[in-house]
Amino acid sequence: EIRLVESGGGLVEAGGSLRLSCLASGFTFSNTDMAWFRQPPGKRLMWVSTIRVNPGDATYADDVKGRFTASRDNANNTLYLQMNDLEPKDTATYYCNRSPVPTLPWGPGTQVIVSS
């Protein structure tokens, strides 16, 4: 069974940091390009970052570039998103999935709330 389980969200003040995790199982994670997405309250799902099979090859949406860093631990089937200098506009539920097309079953997501 393919599973994605996100964790690490929470309530943080503007300027703070959080590290999100995504534990993957049921597929060959090490051979799969992955991505982070987020859905702000009342808005559509948006792409945040892609990290390819090569852990050093990552791309970011313009509004998180320079603040967020995606990484992966292929040995432990885990994807990470280090989020620094958080802003209220980063408030959203964050999800991981396959890149470029999110074809895997969605996990529960992890909620990030950034207070001003």
Protein backbone atom coordinates (compact mmCIF):
# COMPACT_ATOMS: atom_id res chain seq x y z
CA GLU A 1 0.00 0.00 0.00
CA ILE A 2 1.36 3.41 -0.98
CA ARG A 3 1.35 5.87 1.91
CA LEU A 4 2.54 9.42 2.46
CA VAL A 5 2.48 10.81 5.99
CA GLU A 6 3.37 14.44 6.57
CA SER A 7 4.34 15.84 9.96
CA GLY A 8 6.09 18.75 11.64
CA GLY A 9 3.55 21.51 11.20
CA GLY A 10 2.36 23.80 13.94
CA LEU A 11 1.79 27.37 15.06
CA VAL A 12 4.75 29.70 14.72
CA GLU A 13 5.29 33.44 14.82
CA ALA A 14 6.32 35.34 11.72
CA GLY A 15 10.05 35.05 11.23
CA GLY A 16 10.17 31.63 12.81
CA SER A 17 11.11 28.26 11.36
CA LEU A 18 9.62 24.81 10.99
CA ARG A 19 10.87 21.57 9.49
CA LEU A 20 8.29 19.40 7.79
CA SER A 21 8.75 15.69 7.14
CA CYS A 22 7.08 13.29 4.75
CA LEU A 23 7.47 9.58 5.36
CA ALA A 24 6.85 7.53 2.23
CA SER A 25 6.15 3.84 1.88
CA GLY A 26 4.84 1.34 -0.65
CA PHE A 27 6.86 2.52 -3.65
CA THR A 28 10.49 3.00 -4.67
CA PHE A 29 11.06 6.37 -3.05
CA SER A 30 14.72 6.56 -4.05
CA ASN A 31 13.78 6.46 -7.75
CA THR A 32 10.92 8.94 -7.52
CA ASP A 33 11.07 12.69 -7.98
CA MET A 34 9.03 14.26 -5.18
CA ALA A 35 7.41 17.59 -4.50
CA TRP A 36 5.88 19.66 -1.74
CA PHE A 37 2.52 21.32 -2.25
CA ARG A 38 0.44 23.57 -0.04
CA GLN A 39 -3.16 24.63 0.20
CA PRO A 40 -3.91 27.89 2.01
CA PRO A 41 -7.33 28.16 3.67
CA GLY A 42 -10.01 28.63 1.02
CA LYS A 43 -7.56 28.47 -1.86
CA ARG A 44 -6.42 25.93 -4.40
CA LEU A 45 -3.49 23.55 -4.02
CA MET A 46 -0.19 25.09 -5.10
CA TRP A 47 3.23 23.69 -5.87
CA VAL A 48 5.99 24.70 -3.47
CA SER A 49 9.11 22.72 -4.32
CA THR A 50 10.40 19.78 -6.30
CA ILE A 51 13.31 17.66 -5.22
CA ARG A 52 14.53 15.14 -7.72
CA VAL A 53 16.11 11.76 -7.20
CA ASN A 54 19.47 13.49 -6.92
CA PRO A 55 19.06 15.13 -3.49
CA GLY A 56 20.91 18.24 -4.54
CA ASP A 57 18.59 19.01 -7.43
CA ALA A 58 15.69 21.09 -6.12
CA THR A 59 13.53 23.87 -7.48
CA TYR A 60 11.23 26.27 -5.69
CA ALA A 61 8.25 28.51 -6.24
CA ASP A 62 9.25 32.16 -6.41
CA ASP A 63 7.51 33.10 -3.17
CA VAL A 64 9.50 30.58 -1.09
CA LYS A 65 12.83 30.74 -2.88
CA GLY A 66 15.61 31.63 -0.48
CA ARG A 67 13.50 30.77 2.58
CA PHE A 68 12.60 27.11 2.08
CA THR A 69 14.97 24.21 1.49
CA ALA A 70 13.83 20.78 0.38
CA SER A 71 15.90 17.69 1.07
CA ARG A 72 15.50 13.95 1.14
CA ASP A 73 16.86 10.90 2.91
CA ASN A 74 16.54 8.08 0.42
CA ALA A 75 17.79 5.50 2.92
CA ASN A 76 14.85 6.29 5.21
CA ASN A 77 12.23 7.14 2.58
CA THR A 78 11.79 10.61 4.01
CA LEU A 79 11.32 14.00 2.41
CA TYR A 80 11.97 17.22 4.32
CA LEU A 81 11.07 20.87 3.94
CA GLN A 82 13.03 23.33 6.06
CA MET A 83 11.06 26.56 6.24
CA ASN A 84 12.79 29.67 7.55
CA ASP A 85 11.68 33.27 7.90
CA LEU A 86 8.06 32.20 7.80
CA GLU A 87 5.41 34.72 6.82
CA PRO A 88 1.64 34.76 7.46
CA LYS A 89 1.12 34.02 3.75
CA ASP A 90 2.81 30.64 4.32
CA THR A 91 -0.17 29.55 6.40
CA ALA A 92 -1.48 26.41 4.70
CA THR A 93 -1.77 22.66 4.87
CA TYR A 94 1.34 21.14 3.37
CA TYR A 95 1.44 17.90 1.41
CA CYS A 96 4.06 15.82 -0.35
CA ASN A 97 3.53 13.82 -3.51
CA ARG A 98 5.17 12.69 -6.68
CA SER A 99 6.62 15.17 -9.15
CA PRO A 100 5.80 16.49 -11.65
CA VAL A 101 2.31 15.02 -11.55
CA PRO A 102 1.02 14.13 -8.07
CA THR A 103 -0.28 10.67 -8.84
CA LEU A 104 0.19 9.07 -5.43
CA PRO A 105 -2.62 8.86 -2.84
CA TRP A 106 -2.58 12.06 -0.81
CA GLY A 107 -1.53 11.94 2.81
CA PRO A 108 -3.29 13.79 5.62
CA GLY A 109 -1.05 16.84 5.24
CA THR A 110 0.40 18.89 8.04
CA GLN A 111 -0.98 22.29 9.00
CA VAL A 112 1.25 25.32 9.30
CA ILE A 113 -0.10 28.48 10.88
CA VAL A 114 2.07 31.59 10.91
CA SER A 115 0.91 34.38 13.17
CA SER A 116 1.80 38.01 12.51
